Amino acid sequence: MDYLLRSTTESDMDDALIAAGLAQEVTDTDGEVMVRPVSGVAIDHIGPIPARVDEDGVVIKPGDARWHTNVRVAFELDKAVEDELPTFAPTPGIPYRVWL
């Protein structure tokens, strides 16, 4: 199942993914804490979406400064967990980035 998620910040997104059990904090050998997907989950952080402009610099489509993330889950989520994900509506007709 694929999910298109949006939050105010990257940190808010990490918190939501951890709370849903889709990601966990891990510490690398240098002591750096990172958020990594759990087994069966793929996470594609897109971040803010830039405005689309023409060759003259005129904005054709405004950007969105909020944090965007695509998530692909290879197992079924509980409805309660799914409901807590920061999904949004309406979903874009043409997503900024898609899974291949």
PDB file of N, CA and C in Angstrom:
ATOM      1  N   MET A   1       0.844  -1.164   0.000  1.00  0.00           N
ATOM      2  CA  MET A   1       0.000   0.000   0.000  1.00  0.00           C
ATOM      3  C   MET A   1       0.898   1.239   0.000  1.00  0.00           C
ATOM      4  N   ASP A   2       0.519   2.221  -0.766  1.00  0.00           N
ATOM      5  CA  ASP A   2       1.275   3.470  -0.849  1.00  0.00           C
ATOM      6  C   ASP A   2       0.519   4.589  -0.138  1.00  0.00           C
ATOM      7  N   TYR A   3       1.280   5.468   0.507  1.00  0.00           N
ATOM      8  CA  TYR A   3       0.708   6.604   1.214  1.00  0.00           C
ATOM      9  C   TYR A   3       1.450   7.866   0.819  1.00  0.00           C
ATOM     10  N   LEU A   4       0.719   8.929   0.542  1.00  0.00           N
ATOM     11  CA  LEU A   4       1.283  10.252   0.295  1.00  0.00           C
ATOM     12  C   LEU A   4       1.048  11.037   1.582  1.00  0.00           C
ATOM     13  N   LEU A   5       2.134  11.484   2.207  1.00  0.00           N
ATOM     14  CA  LEU A   5       2.041  12.140   3.501  1.00  0.00           C
ATOM     15  C   LEU A   5       2.559  13.567   3.427  1.00  0.00           C
ATOM     16  N   ARG A   6       2.033  14.406   4.332  1.00  0.00           N
ATOM     17  CA  ARG A   6       2.482  15.796   4.390  1.00  0.00           C
ATOM     18  C   ARG A   6       2.405  16.260   5.831  1.00  0.00           C
ATOM     19  N   SER A   7       3.453  16.953   6.269  1.00  0.00           N
ATOM     20  CA  SER A   7       3.493  17.528   7.609  1.00  0.00           C
ATOM     21  C   SER A   7       4.135  18.913   7.521  1.00  0.00           C
ATOM     22  N   THR A   8       4.166  19.588   8.652  1.00  0.00           N
ATOM     23  CA  THR A   8       4.744  20.927   8.670  1.00  0.00           C
ATOM     24  C   THR A   8       6.261  20.887   8.500  1.00  0.00           C
ATOM     25  N   THR A   9       6.918  19.936   9.187  1.00  0.00           N
ATOM     26  CA  THR A   9       8.374  19.861   9.150  1.00  0.00           C
ATOM     27  C   THR A   9       8.841  18.412   8.986  1.00  0.00           C
ATOM     28  N   GLU A  10      10.102  18.248   8.656  1.00  0.00           N
ATOM     29  CA  GLU A  10      10.691  16.910   8.558  1.00  0.00           C
ATOM     30  C   GLU A  10      10.642  16.206   9.918  1.00  0.00           C
ATOM     31  N   SER A  11      10.908  16.950  10.969  1.00  0.00           N
ATOM     32  CA  SER A  11      10.881  16.382  12.314  1.00  0.00           C
ATOM     33  C   SER A  11       9.483  15.861  12.663  1.00  0.00           C
ATOM     34  N   ASP A  12       8.448  16.625  12.299  1.00  0.00           N
ATOM     35  CA  ASP A  12       7.069  16.164  12.532  1.00  0.00           C
ATOM     36  C   ASP A  12       6.798  14.880  11.755  1.00  0.00           C
ATOM     37  N   MET A  13       7.327  14.783  10.532  1.00  0.00           N
ATOM     38  CA  MET A  13       7.133  13.583   9.722  1.00  0.00           C
ATOM     39  C   MET A  13       7.830  12.392  10.370  1.00  0.00           C
ATOM     40  N   ASP A  14       9.076  12.596  10.803  1.00  0.00           N
ATOM     41  CA  ASP A  14       9.801  11.515  11.480  1.00  0.00           C
ATOM     42  C   ASP A  14       9.025  11.031  12.697  1.00  0.00           C
ATOM     43  N   ASP A  15       8.507  11.964  13.485  1.00  0.00           N
ATOM     44  CA  ASP A  15       7.741  11.597  14.677  1.00  0.00           C
ATOM     45  C   ASP A  15       6.510  10.775  14.299  1.00  0.00           C
ATOM     46  N   ALA A  16       5.820  11.166  13.237  1.00  0.00           N
ATOM     47  CA  ALA A  16       4.617  10.445  12.802  1.00  0.00           C
ATOM     48  C   ALA A  16       4.966   9.043  12.314  1.00  0.00           C
ATOM     49  N   LEU A  17       6.047   8.912  11.564  1.00  0.00           N
ATOM     50  CA  LEU A  17       6.451   7.599  11.057  1.00  0.00           C
ATOM     51  C   LEU A  17       6.880   6.670  12.187  1.00  0.00           C
ATOM     52  N   ILE A  18       7.581   7.207  13.173  1.00  0.00           N
ATOM     53  CA  ILE A  18       7.992   6.414  14.331  1.00  0.00           C
ATOM     54  C   ILE A  18       6.762   6.003  15.140  1.00  0.00           C
ATOM     55  N   ALA A  19       5.846   6.937  15.382  1.00  0.00           N
ATOM     56  CA  ALA A  19       4.630   6.633  16.148  1.00  0.00           C
ATOM     57  C   ALA A  19       3.792   5.554  15.465  1.00  0.00           C
ATOM     58  N   ALA A  20       3.806   5.530  14.128  1.00  0.00           N
ATOM     59  CA  ALA A  20       3.042   4.535  13.374  1.00  0.00           C
ATOM     60  C   ALA A  20       3.758   3.189  13.299  1.00  0.00           C
ATOM     61  N   GLY A  21       5.005   3.137  13.780  1.00  0.00           N
ATOM     62  CA  GLY A  21       5.771   1.895  13.724  1.00  0.00           C
ATOM     63  C   GLY A  21       6.355   1.613  12.351  1.00  0.00           C
ATOM     64  N   LEU A  22       6.404   2.637  11.496  1.00  0.00           N
ATOM     65  CA  LEU A  22       6.941   2.476  10.145  1.00  0.00           C
ATOM     66  C   LEU A  22       8.422   2.807  10.071  1.00  0.00           C
ATOM     67  N   ALA A  23       8.935   3.466  11.102  1.00  0.00           N
ATOM     68  CA  ALA A  23      10.347   3.849  11.145  1.00  0.00           C
ATOM     69  C   ALA A  23      10.816   3.763  12.590  1.00  0.00           C
ATOM     70  N   GLN A  24      12.127   3.782  12.739  1.00  0.00           N
ATOM     71  CA  GLN A  24      12.720   3.757  14.078  1.00  0.00           C
ATOM     72  C   GLN A  24      13.996   4.575  14.073  1.00  0.00           C
ATOM     73  N   GLU A  25      14.354   5.065  15.246  1.00  0.00           N
ATOM     74  CA  GLU A  25      15.622   5.782  15.379  1.00  0.00           C
ATOM     75  C   GLU A  25      16.734   4.768  15.560  1.00  0.00           C
ATOM     76  N   VAL A  26      17.829   4.978  14.838  1.00  0.00           N
ATOM     77  CA  VAL A  26      19.018   4.138  14.987  1.00  0.00           C
ATOM     78  C   VAL A  26      20.219   5.066  15.127  1.00  0.00           C
ATOM     79  N   THR A  27      21.232   4.591  15.818  1.00  0.00           N
ATOM     80  CA  THR A  27      22.449   5.372  16.018  1.00  0.00           C
ATOM     81  C   THR A  27      23.572   4.719  15.226  1.00  0.00           C
ATOM     82  N   ASP A  28      24.247   5.516  14.370  1.00  0.00           N
ATOM     83  CA  ASP A  28      25.351   4.963  13.587  1.00  0.00           C
ATOM     84  C   ASP A  28      26.623   4.907  14.434  1.00  0.00           C
ATOM     85  N   THR A  29      27.696   4.440  13.851  1.00  0.00           N
ATOM     86  CA  THR A  29      28.952   4.247  14.580  1.00  0.00           C
ATOM     87  C   THR A  29      29.570   5.557  15.059  1.00  0.00           C
ATOM     88  N   ASP A  30      29.173   6.682  14.453  1.00  0.00           N
ATOM     89  CA  ASP A  30      29.668   7.987  14.883  1.00  0.00           C
ATOM     90  C   ASP A  30      28.774   8.629  15.935  1.00  0.00           C
ATOM     91  N   GLY A  31      27.725   7.913  16.357  1.00  0.00           N
ATOM     92  CA  GLY A  31      26.808   8.442  17.352  1.00  0.00           C
ATOM     93  C   GLY A  31      25.696   9.297  16.790  1.00  0.00           C
ATOM     94  N   GLU A  32      25.608   9.374  15.459  1.00  0.00           N
ATOM     95  CA  GLU A  32      24.560  10.157  14.793  1.00  0.00           C
ATOM     96  C   GLU A  32      23.250   9.377  14.826  1.00  0.00           C
ATOM     97  N   VAL A  33      22.184  10.022  15.290  1.00  0.00           N
ATOM     98  CA  VAL A  33      20.867   9.390  15.332  1.00  0.00           C
ATOM     99  C   VAL A  33      20.161   9.648  14.006  1.00  0.00           C
ATOM    100  N   MET A  34      19.668   8.573  13.393  1.00  0.00           N
ATOM    101  CA  MET A  34      18.967   8.660  12.112  1.00  0.00           C
ATOM    102  C   MET A  34      17.628   7.956  12.233  1.00  0.00           C
ATOM    103  N   VAL A  35      16.694   8.338  11.380  1.00  0.00           N
ATOM    104  CA  VAL A  35      15.401   7.664  11.318  1.00  0.00           C
ATOM    105  C   VAL A  35      15.421   6.784  10.076  1.00  0.00           C
ATOM    106  N   ARG A  36      15.200   5.483  10.288  1.00  0.00           N
ATOM    107  CA  ARG A  36      15.255   4.499   9.200  1.00  0.00           C
ATOM    108  C   ARG A  36      13.957   3.700   9.166  1.00  0.00           C
ATOM    109  N   PRO A  37      13.530   3.295   7.964  1.00  0.00           N
ATOM    110  CA  PRO A  37      12.309   2.478   7.865  1.00  0.00           C
ATOM    111  C   PRO A  37      12.514   1.102   8.487  1.00  0.00           C
ATOM    112  N   VAL A  38      11.427   0.537   9.001  1.00  0.00           N
ATOM    113  CA  VAL A  38      11.464  -0.833   9.501  1.00  0.00           C
ATOM    114  C   VAL A  38      11.338  -1.774   8.306  1.00  0.00           C
ATOM    115  N   SER A  39      11.559  -3.058   8.525  1.00  0.00           N
ATOM    116  CA  SER A  39      11.469  -4.060   7.473  1.00  0.00           C
ATOM    117  C   SER A  39      10.076  -4.035   6.830  1.00  0.00           C
ATOM    118  N   GLY A  40      10.046  -4.053   5.507  1.00  0.00           N
ATOM    119  CA  GLY A  40       8.787  -4.041   4.769  1.00  0.00           C
ATOM    120  C   GLY A  40       8.257  -2.664   4.456  1.00  0.00           C
ATOM    121  N   VAL A  41       9.049  -1.630   4.781  1.00  0.00           N
ATOM    122  CA  VAL A  41       8.627  -0.248   4.545  1.00  0.00           C
ATOM    123  C   VAL A  41       9.699   0.470   3.732  1.00  0.00           C
ATOM    124  N   ALA A  42       9.270   1.212   2.720  1.00  0.00           N
ATOM    125  CA  ALA A  42      10.169   2.087   1.952  1.00  0.00           C
ATOM    126  C   ALA A  42       9.689   3.523   2.148  1.00  0.00           C
ATOM    127  N   ILE A  43      10.628   4.411   2.441  1.00  0.00           N
ATOM    128  CA  ILE A  43      10.303   5.815   2.686  1.00  0.00           C
ATOM    129  C   ILE A  43      11.056   6.675   1.683  1.00  0.00           C
ATOM    130  N   ASP A  44      10.316   7.541   1.002  1.00  0.00           N
ATOM    131  CA  ASP A  44      10.890   8.467   0.031  1.00  0.00           C
ATOM    132  C   ASP A  44      10.565   9.887   0.482  1.00  0.00           C
ATOM    133  N   HIS A  45      11.534  10.532   1.152  1.00  0.00           N
ATOM    134  CA  HIS A  45      11.331  11.917   1.589  1.00  0.00           C
ATOM    135  C   HIS A  45      11.500  12.840   0.391  1.00  0.00           C
ATOM    136  N   ILE A  46      10.479  13.603   0.114  1.00  0.00           N
ATOM    137  CA  ILE A  46      10.517  14.563  -0.981  1.00  0.00           C
ATOM    138  C   ILE A  46      10.878  15.945  -0.452  1.00  0.00           C
ATOM    139  N   GLY A  47      10.349  16.280   0.719  1.00  0.00           N
ATOM    140  CA  GLY A  47      10.589  17.596   1.298  1.00  0.00           C
ATOM    141  C   GLY A  47       9.642  18.621   0.720  1.00  0.00           C
ATOM    142  N   PRO A  48      10.008  19.897   0.797  1.00  0.00           N
ATOM    143  CA  PRO A  48       9.168  20.941   0.215  1.00  0.00           C
ATOM    144  C   PRO A  48       9.135  20.806  -1.312  1.00  0.00           C
ATOM    145  N   ILE A  49       8.013  21.156  -1.901  1.00  0.00           N
ATOM    146  CA  ILE A  49       7.882  21.084  -3.362  1.00  0.00           C
ATOM    147  C   ILE A  49       8.069  22.491  -3.919  1.00  0.00           C
ATOM    148  N   PRO A  50       9.051  22.663  -4.813  1.00  0.00           N
ATOM    149  CA  PRO A  50       9.312  24.001  -5.353  1.00  0.00           C
ATOM    150  C   PRO A  50       8.228  24.450  -6.326  1.00  0.00           C
ATOM    151  N   ALA A  51       8.126  25.751  -6.477  1.00  0.00           N
ATOM    152  CA  ALA A  51       7.194  26.308  -7.466  1.00  0.00           C
ATOM    153  C   ALA A  51       7.671  25.945  -8.867  1.00  0.00           C
ATOM    154  N   ARG A  52       6.723  25.781  -9.773  1.00  0.00           N
ATOM    155  CA  ARG A  52       7.069  25.550 -11.181  1.00  0.00           C
ATOM    156  C   ARG A  52       6.999  26.912 -11.879  1.00  0.00           C
ATOM    157  N   VAL A  53       8.095  27.289 -12.540  1.00  0.00           N
ATOM    158  CA  VAL A  53       8.155  28.575 -13.226  1.00  0.00           C
ATOM    159  C   VAL A  53       8.495  28.375 -14.696  1.00  0.00           C
ATOM    160  N   ASP A  54       8.060  29.330 -15.528  1.00  0.00           N
ATOM    161  CA  ASP A  54       8.411  29.256 -16.945  1.00  0.00           C
ATOM    162  C   ASP A  54       9.780  29.900 -17.172  1.00  0.00           C
ATOM    163  N   GLU A  55      10.210  29.955 -18.418  1.00  0.00           N
ATOM    164  CA  GLU A  55      11.551  30.474 -18.729  1.00  0.00           C
ATOM    165  C   GLU A  55      11.727  31.949 -18.376  1.00  0.00           C
ATOM    166  N   ASP A  56      10.614  32.669 -18.179  1.00  0.00           N
ATOM    167  CA  ASP A  56      10.688  34.072 -17.783  1.00  0.00           C
ATOM    168  C   ASP A  56      10.609  34.266 -16.275  1.00  0.00           C
ATOM    169  N   GLY A  57      10.536  33.155 -15.542  1.00  0.00           N
ATOM    170  CA  GLY A  57      10.459  33.223 -14.090  1.00  0.00           C
ATOM    171  C   GLY A  57       9.058  33.442 -13.552  1.00  0.00           C
ATOM    172  N   VAL A  58       8.055  33.342 -14.420  1.00  0.00           N
ATOM    173  CA  VAL A  58       6.667  33.506 -13.987  1.00  0.00           C
ATOM    174  C   VAL A  58       6.192  32.186 -13.370  1.00  0.00           C
ATOM    175  N   VAL A  59       5.595  32.286 -12.206  1.00  0.00           N
ATOM    176  CA  VAL A  59       5.117  31.090 -11.501  1.00  0.00           C
ATOM    177  C   VAL A  59       3.915  30.515 -12.242  1.00  0.00           C
ATOM    178  N   ILE A  60       4.071  29.267 -12.684  1.00  0.00           N
ATOM    179  CA  ILE A  60       2.993  28.548 -13.356  1.00  0.00           C
ATOM    180  C   ILE A  60       2.162  27.788 -12.331  1.00  0.00           C
ATOM    181  N   LYS A  61       2.855  27.211 -11.349  1.00  0.00           N
ATOM    182  CA  LYS A  61       2.192  26.477 -10.270  1.00  0.00           C
ATOM    183  C   LYS A  61       2.960  26.776  -8.995  1.00  0.00           C
ATOM    184  N   PRO A  62       2.265  27.254  -7.960  1.00  0.00           N
ATOM    185  CA  PRO A  62       2.976  27.576  -6.716  1.00  0.00           C
ATOM    186  C   PRO A  62       3.536  26.334  -6.039  1.00  0.00           C
ATOM    187  N   GLY A  63       4.574  26.528  -5.263  1.00  0.00           N
ATOM    188  CA  GLY A  63       5.161  25.433  -4.512  1.00  0.00           C
ATOM    189  C   GLY A  63       4.419  25.204  -3.209  1.00  0.00           C
ATOM    190  N   ASP A  64       4.926  24.282  -2.424  1.00  0.00           N
ATOM    191  CA  ASP A  64       4.342  23.971  -1.121  1.00  0.00           C
ATOM    192  C   ASP A  64       5.508  23.749  -0.166  1.00  0.00           C
ATOM    193  N   ALA A  65       5.673  24.643   0.807  1.00  0.00           N
ATOM    194  CA  ALA A  65       6.817  24.615   1.705  1.00  0.00           C
ATOM    195  C   ALA A  65       6.720  23.532   2.784  1.00  0.00           C
ATOM    196  N   ARG A  66       5.585  22.851   2.873  1.00  0.00           N
ATOM    197  CA  ARG A  66       5.456  21.791   3.877  1.00  0.00           C
ATOM    198  C   ARG A  66       6.299  20.576   3.468  1.00  0.00           C
ATOM    199  N   TRP A  67       6.505  19.652   4.418  1.00  0.00           N
ATOM    200  CA  TRP A  67       7.326  18.465   4.191  1.00  0.00           C
ATOM    201  C   TRP A  67       6.471  17.344   3.598  1.00  0.00           C
ATOM    202  N   HIS A  68       6.920  16.772   2.471  1.00  0.00           N
ATOM    203  CA  HIS A  68       6.198  15.696   1.792  1.00  0.00           C
ATOM    204  C   HIS A  68       7.025  14.416   1.817  1.00  0.00           C
ATOM    205  N   THR A  69       6.344  13.302   2.032  1.00  0.00           N
ATOM    206  CA  THR A  69       6.992  11.993   2.073  1.00  0.00           C
ATOM    207  C   THR A  69       6.056  10.963   1.459  1.00  0.00           C
ATOM    208  N   ASN A  70       6.610  10.086   0.635  1.00  0.00           N
ATOM    209  CA  ASN A  70       5.868   8.938   0.116  1.00  0.00           C
ATOM    210  C   ASN A  70       6.320   7.712   0.893  1.00  0.00           C
ATOM    211  N   VAL A  71       5.361   6.862   1.238  1.00  0.00           N
ATOM    212  CA  VAL A  71       5.662   5.647   1.991  1.00  0.00           C
ATOM    213  C   VAL A  71       5.007   4.466   1.280  1.00  0.00           C
ATOM    214  N   ARG A  72       5.775   3.397   1.118  1.00  0.00           N
ATOM    215  CA  ARG A  72       5.242   2.141   0.574  1.00  0.00           C
ATOM    216  C   ARG A  72       5.396   1.082   1.657  1.00  0.00           C
ATOM    217  N   VAL A  73       4.274   0.425   1.981  1.00  0.00           N
ATOM    218  CA  VAL A  73       4.244  -0.573   3.045  1.00  0.00           C
ATOM    219  C   VAL A  73       3.878  -1.916   2.425  1.00  0.00           C
ATOM    220  N   ALA A  74       4.665  -2.952   2.738  1.00  0.00           N
ATOM    221  CA  ALA A  74       4.463  -4.282   2.168  1.00  0.00           C
ATOM    222  C   ALA A  74       3.527  -5.143   3.021  1.00  0.00           C
ATOM    223  N   PHE A  75       2.909  -4.551   4.024  1.00  0.00           N
ATOM    224  CA  PHE A  75       1.984  -5.288   4.897  1.00  0.00           C
ATOM    225  C   PHE A  75       0.794  -4.383   5.196  1.00  0.00           C
ATOM    226  N   GLU A  76      -0.264  -4.966   5.698  1.00  0.00           N
ATOM    227  CA  GLU A  76      -1.467  -4.196   5.986  1.00  0.00           C
ATOM    228  C   GLU A  76      -1.338  -3.485   7.332  1.00  0.00           C
ATOM    229  N   LEU A  77      -1.702  -2.205   7.328  1.00  0.00           N
ATOM    230  CA  LEU A  77      -1.683  -1.425   8.567  1.00  0.00           C
ATOM    231  C   LEU A  77      -3.031  -1.526   9.267  1.00  0.00           C
ATOM    232  N   ASP A  78      -2.997  -1.480  10.598  1.00  0.00           N
ATOM    233  CA  ASP A  78      -4.240  -1.342  11.360  1.00  0.00           C
ATOM    234  C   ASP A  78      -4.931  -0.067  10.910  1.00  0.00           C
ATOM    235  N   LYS A  79      -6.238  -0.051  10.906  1.00  0.00           N
ATOM    236  CA  LYS A  79      -7.006   1.134  10.528  1.00  0.00           C
ATOM    237  C   LYS A  79      -6.672   2.312  11.446  1.00  0.00           C
ATOM    238  N   ALA A  80      -6.490   2.041  12.737  1.00  0.00           N
ATOM    239  CA  ALA A  80      -6.161   3.110  13.688  1.00  0.00           C
ATOM    240  C   ALA A  80      -4.811   3.738  13.365  1.00  0.00           C
ATOM    241  N   VAL A  81      -3.835   2.922  13.000  1.00  0.00           N
ATOM    242  CA  VAL A  81      -2.502   3.432  12.629  1.00  0.00           C
ATOM    243  C   VAL A  81      -2.612   4.230  11.336  1.00  0.00           C
ATOM    244  N   GLU A  82      -3.315   3.675  10.363  1.00  0.00           N
ATOM    245  CA  GLU A  82      -3.497   4.357   9.077  1.00  0.00           C
ATOM    246  C   GLU A  82      -4.149   5.727   9.268  1.00  0.00           C
ATOM    247  N   ASP A  83      -5.142   5.786  10.147  1.00  0.00           N
ATOM    248  CA  ASP A  83      -5.854   7.043  10.400  1.00  0.00           C
ATOM    249  C   ASP A  83      -4.966   8.102  11.041  1.00  0.00           C
ATOM    250  N   GLU A  84      -3.902   7.698  11.735  1.00  0.00           N
ATOM    251  CA  GLU A  84      -3.001   8.640  12.393  1.00  0.00           C
ATOM    252  C   GLU A  84      -1.907   9.189  11.467  1.00  0.00           C
ATOM    253  N   LEU A  85      -1.736   8.577  10.294  1.00  0.00           N
ATOM    254  CA  LEU A  85      -0.722   9.073   9.359  1.00  0.00           C
ATOM    255  C   LEU A  85      -1.131  10.449   8.835  1.00  0.00           C
ATOM    256  N   PRO A  86      -0.158  11.334   8.614  1.00  0.00           N
ATOM    257  CA  PRO A  86      -0.486  12.674   8.122  1.00  0.00           C
ATOM    258  C   PRO A  86      -0.779  12.689   6.619  1.00  0.00           C
ATOM    259  N   THR A  87      -1.833  11.946   6.244  1.00  0.00           N
ATOM    260  CA  THR A  87      -2.264  11.960   4.842  1.00  0.00           C
ATOM    261  C   THR A  87      -2.996  13.268   4.579  1.00  0.00           C
ATOM    262  N   PHE A  88      -3.298  13.536   3.337  1.00  0.00           N
ATOM    263  CA  PHE A  88      -4.003  14.767   3.007  1.00  0.00           C
ATOM    264  C   PHE A  88      -4.960  14.523   1.855  1.00  0.00           C
ATOM    265  N   ALA A  89      -5.934  15.384   1.743  1.00  0.00           N
ATOM    266  CA  ALA A  89      -6.918  15.289   0.672  1.00  0.00           C
ATOM    267  C   ALA A  89      -7.153  16.693   0.129  1.00  0.00           C
ATOM    268  N   PRO A  90      -7.405  16.814  -1.112  1.00  0.00           N
ATOM    269  CA  PRO A  90      -7.389  15.716  -2.078  1.00  0.00           C
ATOM    270  C   PRO A  90      -5.951  15.346  -2.439  1.00  0.00           C
ATOM    271  N   THR A  91      -5.756  14.105  -2.797  1.00  0.00           N
ATOM    272  CA  THR A  91      -4.426  13.693  -3.250  1.00  0.00           C
ATOM    273  C   THR A  91      -4.187  14.281  -4.631  1.00  0.00           C
ATOM    274  N   PRO A  92      -2.938  14.534  -4.973  1.00  0.00           N
ATOM    275  CA  PRO A  92      -2.665  15.160  -6.267  1.00  0.00           C
ATOM    276  C   PRO A  92      -3.012  14.235  -7.435  1.00  0.00           C
ATOM    277  N   GLY A  93      -3.570  14.806  -8.495  1.00  0.00           N
ATOM    278  CA  GLY A  93      -3.865  14.036  -9.699  1.00  0.00           C
ATOM    279  C   GLY A  93      -2.585  13.552 -10.365  1.00  0.00           C
ATOM    280  N   ILE A  94      -1.570  14.388 -10.309  1.00  0.00           N
ATOM    281  CA  ILE A  94      -0.249  14.035 -10.828  1.00  0.00           C
ATOM    282  C   ILE A  94       0.740  14.281  -9.697  1.00  0.00           C
ATOM    283  N   PRO A  95       1.106  13.222  -8.949  1.00  0.00           N
ATOM    284  CA  PRO A  95       2.040  13.396  -7.836  1.00  0.00           C
ATOM    285  C   PRO A  95       3.390  13.942  -8.294  1.00  0.00           C
ATOM    286  N   TYR A  96       4.056  14.661  -7.395  1.00  0.00           N
ATOM    287  CA  TYR A  96       5.361  15.234  -7.692  1.00  0.00           C
ATOM    288  C   TYR A  96       6.380  14.147  -8.010  1.00  0.00           C
ATOM    289  N   ARG A  97       6.315  13.033  -7.262  1.00  0.00           N
ATOM    290  CA  ARG A  97       7.212  11.905  -7.493  1.00  0.00           C
ATOM    291  C   ARG A  97       6.435  10.632  -7.179  1.00  0.00           C
ATOM    292  N   VAL A  98       6.670   9.578  -7.961  1.00  0.00           N
ATOM    293  CA  VAL A  98       5.946   8.320  -7.777  1.00  0.00           C
ATOM    294  C   VAL A  98       6.913   7.149  -7.696  1.00  0.00           C
ATOM    295  N   TRP A  99       6.432   6.044  -7.144  1.00  0.00           N
ATOM    296  CA  TRP A  99       7.218   4.805  -7.089  1.00  0.00           C
ATOM    297  C   TRP A  99       7.258   4.183  -8.474  1.00  0.00           C
ATOM    298  N   LEU A 100       8.363   3.573  -8.827  1.00  0.00           N
ATOM    299  CA  LEU A 100       8.454   2.855 -10.095  1.00  0.00           C
ATOM    300  C   LEU A 100       8.356   1.372  -9.851  1.00  0.00           C
TER     301      LEU A 100
END
